[in-house]
Amino acid sequence: MNFDEIDRGISDFMGRWGILVARLSLGIIFIWFGILKPLGISAAEPLVIATVPWLPFFEGQTWVSIIGWWEVLIGVAFLFQRTIRIAVGLLAMQMVGTFLPLVVLPEVTFQAGHMPYAPTMEGQYIIKNLMIISAALVVGGTVRSKTRTGVS
């Protein structure tokens, strides 16, 4: 077997399974991280509470639970091909809030004196969501294709 055959085989494997794995990974991540919030064991809880004081109707802890259940719903929607559109729509709304700490809490999300190029751990946690958005766009781009799950 030569390099070209090996390379083609690897590429075909990734093409066949990549979108399905990305979709399921998005589902698992959102369910897993989301459910931690209403259970009161999310590492992101202090950041969420610090970000939401301006929101009406509820206290910070209630918003943490609401956001957590919203994330669980996003995750469940990513698990099923028929609900990808819902997942992407819910994710788009959620991501607006996810990036808010970069603006409203720069002292928490960037190292002192190094804004905007040196994020803290919290800032990195937020900025990595660009990859989640990219994966959601790729998965969302399959809703009208014939090989919708990525498996032909």
N, C-alpha and C. Protein backbone atom coordinates (compact mmCIF):
# COMPACT_ATOMS: atom_id res chain seq x y z
N MET A 1 0.85 -1.17 0.00
CA MET A 1 0.00 0.00 0.00
C MET A 1 0.91 1.24 0.00
N ASN A 2 0.64 2.17 -0.91
CA ASN A 2 1.47 3.37 -0.98
C ASN A 2 0.83 4.53 -0.21
N PHE A 3 1.57 5.62 -0.12
CA PHE A 3 1.12 6.78 0.65
C PHE A 3 -0.22 7.30 0.15
N ASP A 4 -0.40 7.39 -1.15
CA ASP A 4 -1.65 7.93 -1.71
C ASP A 4 -2.85 7.10 -1.28
N GLU A 5 -2.72 5.77 -1.29
CA GLU A 5 -3.82 4.90 -0.87
C GLU A 5 -4.13 5.07 0.61
N ILE A 6 -3.10 5.16 1.42
CA ILE A 6 -3.29 5.37 2.86
C ILE A 6 -3.96 6.72 3.10
N ASP A 7 -3.43 7.75 2.43
CA ASP A 7 -3.98 9.10 2.57
C ASP A 7 -5.44 9.14 2.14
N ARG A 8 -5.77 8.50 1.04
CA ARG A 8 -7.15 8.47 0.55
C ARG A 8 -8.06 7.74 1.55
N GLY A 9 -7.57 6.65 2.09
CA GLY A 9 -8.36 5.89 3.07
C GLY A 9 -8.65 6.70 4.32
N ILE A 10 -7.63 7.41 4.82
CA ILE A 10 -7.83 8.25 6.00
C ILE A 10 -8.80 9.38 5.69
N SER A 11 -8.61 10.01 4.55
CA SER A 11 -9.50 11.10 4.15
C SER A 11 -10.94 10.63 3.98
N ASP A 12 -11.12 9.48 3.35
CA ASP A 12 -12.47 8.92 3.18
C ASP A 12 -13.12 8.62 4.53
N PHE A 13 -12.34 8.07 5.45
CA PHE A 13 -12.84 7.77 6.80
C PHE A 13 -13.32 9.05 7.48
N MET A 14 -12.47 10.10 7.43
CA MET A 14 -12.83 11.37 8.07
C MET A 14 -14.06 11.99 7.40
N GLY A 15 -14.13 11.91 6.08
CA GLY A 15 -15.28 12.45 5.37
C GLY A 15 -16.56 11.70 5.71
N ARG A 16 -16.45 10.40 5.89
CA ARG A 16 -17.62 9.58 6.19
C ARG A 16 -18.14 9.79 7.62
N TRP A 17 -17.24 9.94 8.57
CA TRP A 17 -17.63 9.96 9.98
C TRP A 17 -17.50 11.32 10.66
N GLY A 18 -16.78 12.26 10.09
CA GLY A 18 -16.47 13.53 10.75
C GLY A 18 -17.68 14.33 11.18
N ILE A 19 -18.66 14.51 10.32
CA ILE A 19 -19.82 15.33 10.67
C ILE A 19 -20.65 14.65 11.75
N LEU A 20 -20.83 13.36 11.64
CA LEU A 20 -21.59 12.64 12.68
C LEU A 20 -20.90 12.78 14.04
N VAL A 21 -19.58 12.59 14.06
CA VAL A 21 -18.84 12.69 15.32
C VAL A 21 -18.91 14.12 15.86
N ALA A 22 -18.81 15.12 14.99
CA ALA A 22 -18.90 16.52 15.43
C ALA A 22 -20.28 16.80 16.02
N ARG A 23 -21.33 16.32 15.38
CA ARG A 23 -22.70 16.52 15.86
C ARG A 23 -22.91 15.87 17.22
N LEU A 24 -22.48 14.63 17.36
CA LEU A 24 -22.63 13.93 18.64
C LEU A 24 -21.76 14.56 19.73
N SER A 25 -20.56 15.01 19.35
CA SER A 25 -19.69 15.68 20.32
C SER A 25 -20.33 16.97 20.83
N LEU A 26 -20.90 17.75 19.93
CA LEU A 26 -21.60 18.96 20.35
C LEU A 26 -22.73 18.62 21.32
N GLY A 27 -23.47 17.58 21.00
CA GLY A 27 -24.56 17.16 21.88
C GLY A 27 -24.07 16.77 23.26
N ILE A 28 -23.04 15.95 23.30
CA ILE A 28 -22.51 15.48 24.58
C ILE A 28 -21.95 16.64 25.41
N ILE A 29 -21.17 17.51 24.77
CA ILE A 29 -20.57 18.64 25.49
C ILE A 29 -21.64 19.55 26.08
N PHE A 30 -22.67 19.89 25.29
CA PHE A 30 -23.70 20.79 25.81
C PHE A 30 -24.54 20.14 26.91
N ILE A 31 -24.86 18.87 26.75
CA ILE A 31 -25.61 18.19 27.82
C ILE A 31 -24.75 18.11 29.08
N TRP A 32 -23.52 17.69 28.94
CA TRP A 32 -22.64 17.49 30.09
C TRP A 32 -22.38 18.81 30.83
N PHE A 33 -21.90 19.83 30.11
CA PHE A 33 -21.59 21.09 30.77
C PHE A 33 -22.86 21.81 31.22
N GLY A 34 -23.94 21.66 30.46
CA GLY A 34 -25.20 22.31 30.82
C GLY A 34 -25.78 21.77 32.11
N ILE A 35 -25.82 20.46 32.27
CA ILE A 35 -26.46 19.86 33.44
C ILE A 35 -25.70 20.19 34.73
N LEU A 36 -24.42 20.49 34.63
CA LEU A 36 -23.66 20.87 35.82
C LEU A 36 -24.18 22.16 36.45
N LYS A 37 -24.73 23.05 35.63
CA LYS A 37 -25.19 24.34 36.15
C LYS A 37 -26.38 24.18 37.09
N PRO A 38 -27.48 23.55 36.71
CA PRO A 38 -28.58 23.41 37.67
C PRO A 38 -28.24 22.51 38.85
N LEU A 39 -27.24 21.65 38.69
CA LEU A 39 -26.82 20.81 39.81
C LEU A 39 -25.92 21.56 40.78
N GLY A 40 -25.51 22.78 40.41
CA GLY A 40 -24.69 23.59 41.29
C GLY A 40 -23.23 23.19 41.34
N ILE A 41 -22.74 22.48 40.31
CA ILE A 41 -21.35 22.02 40.33
C ILE A 41 -20.57 22.44 39.09
N SER A 42 -21.01 23.52 38.44
CA SER A 42 -20.32 24.01 37.25
C SER A 42 -19.19 24.94 37.63
N ALA A 43 -18.02 24.72 37.04
CA ALA A 43 -16.88 25.61 37.26
C ALA A 43 -17.16 27.00 36.68
N ALA A 44 -18.11 27.09 35.75
CA ALA A 44 -18.43 28.37 35.12
C ALA A 44 -19.42 29.20 35.94
N GLU A 45 -19.98 28.64 36.99
CA GLU A 45 -21.02 29.32 37.77
C GLU A 45 -20.62 30.71 38.24
N PRO A 46 -19.46 30.90 38.87
CA PRO A 46 -19.10 32.25 39.32
C PRO A 46 -19.03 33.26 38.18
N LEU A 47 -18.54 32.82 37.02
CA LEU A 47 -18.45 33.71 35.87
C LEU A 47 -19.84 34.08 35.37
N VAL A 48 -20.74 33.11 35.32
CA VAL A 48 -22.12 33.38 34.89
C VAL A 48 -22.78 34.35 35.86
N ILE A 49 -22.67 34.08 37.16
CA ILE A 49 -23.29 34.94 38.17
C ILE A 49 -22.74 36.37 38.08
N ALA A 50 -21.45 36.51 37.83
CA ALA A 50 -20.84 37.84 37.71
C ALA A 50 -21.28 38.56 36.44
N THR A 51 -21.71 37.81 35.43
CA THR A 51 -22.10 38.39 34.15
C THR A 51 -23.56 38.83 34.11
N VAL A 52 -24.44 38.22 34.88
CA VAL A 52 -25.89 38.41 34.71
C VAL A 52 -26.59 39.39 35.65
N PRO A 53 -25.92 40.15 36.50
CA PRO A 53 -26.66 40.98 37.45
C PRO A 53 -27.60 42.00 36.79
N TRP A 54 -27.32 42.41 35.58
CA TRP A 54 -28.14 43.39 34.87
C TRP A 54 -29.41 42.78 34.27
N LEU A 55 -29.48 41.45 34.21
CA LEU A 55 -30.65 40.80 33.62
C LEU A 55 -31.85 40.91 34.56
N PRO A 56 -33.04 41.16 34.01
CA PRO A 56 -34.23 41.30 34.86
C PRO A 56 -34.82 39.95 35.27
N PHE A 57 -35.79 40.01 36.15
CA PHE A 57 -36.66 38.90 36.55
C PHE A 57 -36.10 37.94 37.59
N PHE A 58 -34.84 37.52 37.48
CA PHE A 58 -34.33 36.46 38.34
C PHE A 58 -33.00 36.84 38.99
N GLU A 59 -32.68 36.13 40.05
CA GLU A 59 -31.37 36.24 40.70
C GLU A 59 -30.34 35.46 39.87
N GLY A 60 -29.07 35.71 40.17
CA GLY A 60 -27.99 35.07 39.42
C GLY A 60 -28.06 33.56 39.39
N GLN A 61 -28.34 32.94 40.55
CA GLN A 61 -28.38 31.48 40.62
C GLN A 61 -29.49 30.90 39.74
N THR A 62 -30.60 31.59 39.67
CA THR A 62 -31.70 31.14 38.80
C THR A 62 -31.29 31.23 37.34
N TRP A 63 -30.57 32.31 36.99
CA TRP A 63 -30.09 32.43 35.61
C TRP A 63 -29.10 31.31 35.28
N VAL A 64 -28.28 30.94 36.24
CA VAL A 64 -27.35 29.82 36.02
C VAL A 64 -28.13 28.56 35.65
N SER A 65 -29.19 28.27 36.38
CA SER A 65 -30.02 27.09 36.08
C SER A 65 -30.70 27.21 34.73
N ILE A 66 -31.25 28.37 34.43
CA ILE A 66 -31.91 28.58 33.13
C ILE A 66 -30.93 28.36 31.99
N ILE A 67 -29.76 28.96 32.12
CA ILE A 67 -28.74 28.80 31.07
C ILE A 67 -28.31 27.34 30.96
N GLY A 68 -28.18 26.66 32.09
CA GLY A 68 -27.81 25.25 32.06
C GLY A 68 -28.83 24.40 31.33
N TRP A 69 -30.11 24.59 31.66
CA TRP A 69 -31.15 23.82 30.97
C TRP A 69 -31.22 24.17 29.49
N TRP A 70 -30.96 25.44 29.16
CA TRP A 70 -30.90 25.87 27.75
C TRP A 70 -29.79 25.08 27.03
N GLU A 71 -28.64 24.94 27.69
CA GLU A 71 -27.53 24.19 27.10
C GLU A 71 -27.86 22.72 26.95
N VAL A 72 -28.55 22.15 27.92
CA VAL A 72 -28.98 20.76 27.80
C VAL A 72 -29.89 20.60 26.59
N LEU A 73 -30.80 21.54 26.40
CA LEU A 73 -31.70 21.50 25.25
C LEU A 73 -30.92 21.58 23.95
N ILE A 74 -29.92 22.45 23.90
CA ILE A 74 -29.05 22.53 22.71
C ILE A 74 -28.42 21.16 22.45
N GLY A 75 -27.87 20.56 23.49
CA GLY A 75 -27.21 19.27 23.34
C GLY A 75 -28.13 18.18 22.85
N VAL A 76 -29.31 18.10 23.44
CA VAL A 76 -30.28 17.08 23.02
C VAL A 76 -30.66 17.31 21.55
N ALA A 77 -30.84 18.57 21.18
CA ALA A 77 -31.21 18.86 19.78
C ALA A 77 -30.09 18.47 18.82
N PHE A 78 -28.83 18.56 19.22
CA PHE A 78 -27.73 18.13 18.35
C PHE A 78 -27.67 16.61 18.20
N LEU A 79 -28.23 15.87 19.12
CA LEU A 79 -28.16 14.41 19.04
C LEU A 79 -29.02 13.85 17.92
N PHE A 80 -30.00 14.60 17.46
CA PHE A 80 -30.93 14.10 16.45
C PHE A 80 -30.85 14.93 15.18
N GLN A 81 -30.69 14.26 14.06
CA GLN A 81 -30.55 14.92 12.77
C GLN A 81 -31.72 15.88 12.49
N ARG A 82 -32.92 15.48 12.85
CA ARG A 82 -34.11 16.30 12.54
C ARG A 82 -34.18 17.60 13.33
N THR A 83 -33.40 17.72 14.40
CA THR A 83 -33.48 18.92 15.23
C THR A 83 -32.21 19.77 15.18
N ILE A 84 -31.38 19.55 14.17
CA ILE A 84 -30.15 20.34 14.04
C ILE A 84 -30.47 21.82 13.90
N ARG A 85 -31.47 22.16 13.12
CA ARG A 85 -31.82 23.58 12.94
C ARG A 85 -32.16 24.23 14.29
N ILE A 86 -32.88 23.52 15.11
CA ILE A 86 -33.22 24.03 16.45
C ILE A 86 -31.94 24.19 17.27
N ALA A 87 -31.08 23.19 17.23
CA ALA A 87 -29.83 23.25 17.99
C ALA A 87 -28.99 24.46 17.58
N VAL A 88 -28.85 24.68 16.29
CA VAL A 88 -28.03 25.79 15.81
C VAL A 88 -28.66 27.13 16.20
N GLY A 89 -29.97 27.23 16.10
CA GLY A 89 -30.65 28.47 16.50
C GLY A 89 -30.49 28.77 17.98
N LEU A 90 -30.69 27.75 18.82
CA LEU A 90 -30.52 27.92 20.26
C LEU A 90 -29.07 28.24 20.61
N LEU A 91 -28.14 27.59 19.92
CA LEU A 91 -26.72 27.83 20.15
C LEU A 91 -26.36 29.27 19.78
N ALA A 92 -26.89 29.77 18.67
CA ALA A 92 -26.58 31.15 18.25
C ALA A 92 -27.00 32.14 19.33
N MET A 93 -28.19 31.94 19.90
CA MET A 93 -28.65 32.83 20.96
C MET A 93 -27.78 32.68 22.22
N GLN A 94 -27.42 31.46 22.54
CA GLN A 94 -26.62 31.19 23.75
C GLN A 94 -25.22 31.80 23.63
N MET A 95 -24.66 31.76 22.45
CA MET A 95 -23.30 32.25 22.26
C MET A 95 -23.19 33.76 22.47
N VAL A 96 -24.25 34.49 22.20
CA VAL A 96 -24.23 35.93 22.48
C VAL A 96 -23.93 36.15 23.96
N GLY A 97 -24.64 35.44 24.82
CA GLY A 97 -24.40 35.55 26.25
C GLY A 97 -23.05 35.00 26.67
N THR A 98 -22.61 33.96 26.01
CA THR A 98 -21.33 33.34 26.35
C THR A 98 -20.16 34.30 26.17
N PHE A 99 -20.24 35.14 25.15
CA PHE A 99 -19.14 36.08 24.89
C PHE A 99 -19.23 37.37 25.70
N LEU A 100 -20.35 37.61 26.37
CA LEU A 100 -20.53 38.83 27.16
C LEU A 100 -19.42 39.10 28.18
N PRO A 101 -18.93 38.11 28.91
CA PRO A 101 -17.88 38.40 29.90
C PRO A 101 -16.64 39.07 29.30
N LEU A 102 -16.36 38.80 28.03
CA LEU A 102 -15.20 39.45 27.40
C LEU A 102 -15.38 40.97 27.39
N VAL A 103 -16.63 41.42 27.34
CA VAL A 103 -16.94 42.85 27.28
C VAL A 103 -17.24 43.40 28.67
N VAL A 104 -18.07 42.71 29.45
CA VAL A 104 -18.51 43.25 30.74
C VAL A 104 -17.58 42.90 31.90
N LEU A 105 -16.73 41.92 31.72
CA LEU A 105 -15.79 41.53 32.78
C LEU A 105 -14.36 41.39 32.24
N PRO A 106 -13.84 42.41 31.55
CA PRO A 106 -12.49 42.26 30.98
C PRO A 106 -11.42 42.02 32.05
N GLU A 107 -11.68 42.49 33.27
CA GLU A 107 -10.70 42.28 34.35
C GLU A 107 -10.63 40.81 34.76
N VAL A 108 -11.65 40.04 34.42
CA VAL A 108 -11.68 38.61 34.73
C VAL A 108 -11.20 37.79 33.53
N THR A 109 -11.48 38.27 32.31
CA THR A 109 -11.22 37.48 31.11
C THR A 109 -9.90 37.79 30.42
N PHE A 110 -9.22 38.87 30.85
CA PHE A 110 -7.91 39.20 30.28
C PHE A 110 -6.92 39.48 31.39
N GLN A 111 -5.67 39.12 31.13
CA GLN A 111 -4.61 39.37 32.10
C GLN A 111 -4.42 40.89 32.24
N ALA A 112 -4.17 41.34 33.45
CA ALA A 112 -4.02 42.77 33.72
C ALA A 112 -2.97 43.40 32.81
N GLY A 113 -3.38 44.47 32.14
CA GLY A 113 -2.48 45.20 31.26
C GLY A 113 -2.25 44.55 29.91
N HIS A 114 -2.94 43.45 29.63
CA HIS A 114 -2.71 42.73 28.37
C HIS A 114 -4.00 42.50 27.58
N MET A 115 -4.97 43.37 27.74
CA MET A 115 -6.20 43.25 26.96
C MET A 115 -5.94 43.84 25.58
N PRO A 116 -6.35 43.28 24.52
CA PRO A 116 -7.21 42.12 24.33
C PRO A 116 -6.47 40.88 23.84
N TYR A 117 -5.17 40.82 24.04
CA TYR A 117 -4.41 39.73 23.41
C TYR A 117 -3.95 38.63 24.36
N ALA A 118 -4.15 38.78 25.68
CA ALA A 118 -3.69 37.75 26.62
C ALA A 118 -4.83 37.36 27.56
N PRO A 119 -5.67 36.43 27.11
CA PRO A 119 -6.80 36.03 27.96
C PRO A 119 -6.35 35.23 29.18
N THR A 120 -7.14 35.33 30.22
CA THR A 120 -6.97 34.48 31.40
C THR A 120 -7.54 33.10 31.05
N MET A 121 -7.51 32.20 32.01
CA MET A 121 -8.11 30.88 31.79
C MET A 121 -9.60 31.04 31.45
N GLU A 122 -10.29 31.94 32.15
CA GLU A 122 -11.70 32.18 31.86
C GLU A 122 -11.88 32.70 30.44
N GLY A 123 -11.00 33.63 30.04
CA GLY A 123 -11.07 34.16 28.68
C GLY A 123 -10.83 33.10 27.63
N GLN A 124 -9.88 32.22 27.91
CA GLN A 124 -9.61 31.12 26.97
C GLN A 124 -10.82 30.19 26.87
N TYR A 125 -11.45 29.94 27.99
CA TYR A 125 -12.65 29.10 28.05
C TYR A 125 -13.74 29.67 27.15
N ILE A 126 -13.86 30.99 27.14
CA ILE A 126 -14.86 31.65 26.32
C ILE A 126 -14.45 31.66 24.85
N ILE A 127 -13.21 32.04 24.58
CA ILE A 127 -12.74 32.17 23.20
C ILE A 127 -12.75 30.84 22.46
N LYS A 128 -12.55 29.73 23.16
CA LYS A 128 -12.59 28.42 22.49
C LYS A 128 -13.95 28.13 21.89
N ASN A 129 -14.96 28.89 22.30
CA ASN A 129 -16.29 28.71 21.72
C ASN A 129 -16.34 29.06 20.24
N LEU A 130 -15.33 29.77 19.73
CA LEU A 130 -15.25 29.99 18.29
C LEU A 130 -15.20 28.66 17.55
N MET A 131 -14.52 27.67 18.14
CA MET A 131 -14.45 26.34 17.53
C MET A 131 -15.80 25.64 17.59
N ILE A 132 -16.52 25.82 18.69
CA ILE A 132 -17.86 25.24 18.80
C ILE A 132 -18.78 25.86 17.76
N ILE A 133 -18.69 27.18 17.57
CA ILE A 133 -19.49 27.84 16.54
C ILE A 133 -19.14 27.28 15.16
N SER A 134 -17.85 27.11 14.90
CA SER A 134 -17.42 26.56 13.60
C SER A 134 -17.97 25.16 13.38
N ALA A 135 -17.88 24.31 14.40
CA ALA A 135 -18.40 22.94 14.27
C ALA A 135 -19.91 22.97 14.05
N ALA A 136 -20.62 23.86 14.75
CA ALA A 136 -22.07 23.96 14.57
C ALA A 136 -22.41 24.42 13.15
N LEU A 137 -21.61 25.31 12.58
CA LEU A 137 -21.84 25.74 11.21
C LEU A 137 -21.65 24.59 10.22
N VAL A 138 -20.62 23.79 10.45
CA VAL A 138 -20.37 22.64 9.58
C VAL A 138 -21.52 21.64 9.69
N VAL A 139 -21.92 21.33 10.91
CA VAL A 139 -23.03 20.39 11.12
C VAL A 139 -24.32 20.98 10.55
N GLY A 140 -24.57 22.25 10.82
CA GLY A 140 -25.78 22.90 10.31
C GLY A 140 -25.82 22.93 8.80
N GLY A 141 -24.66 22.96 8.16
CA GLY A 141 -24.60 22.95 6.70
C GLY A 141 -25.03 21.65 6.07
N THR A 142 -25.31 20.64 6.88
CA THR A 142 -25.71 19.33 6.35
C THR A 142 -27.22 19.13 6.32
N VAL A 143 -28.00 20.06 6.83
CA VAL A 143 -29.43 19.80 7.00
C VAL A 143 -30.17 19.60 5.69
N ARG A 144 -29.62 20.07 4.60
CA ARG A 144 -30.29 19.90 3.31
C ARG A 144 -29.54 18.96 2.37
N SER A 145 -28.48 18.32 2.86
CA SER A 145 -27.72 17.43 2.00
C SER A 145 -28.27 16.01 2.05
N LYS A 146 -27.93 15.22 1.05
CA LYS A 146 -28.43 13.85 0.96
C LYS A 146 -27.80 12.95 2.01
N THR A 147 -26.52 13.14 2.31
CA THR A 147 -25.86 12.34 3.35
C THR A 147 -25.86 13.17 4.61
N ARG A 148 -27.01 13.32 5.21
CA ARG A 148 -27.23 14.27 6.29
C ARG A 148 -26.48 13.95 7.56
N THR A 149 -26.23 12.75 7.88
CA THR A 149 -25.51 12.45 9.12
C THR A 149 -24.02 12.40 8.92
N GLY A 150 -23.58 12.50 7.67
CA GLY A 150 -22.17 12.34 7.39
C GLY A 150 -21.81 10.90 7.12
N VAL A 151 -22.78 9.99 7.18
CA VAL A 151 -22.55 8.58 6.89
C VAL A 151 -23.36 8.22 5.67
N SER A 152 -22.66 7.76 4.60
CA SER A 152 -23.37 7.43 3.36
C SER A 152 -23.75 5.98 3.29
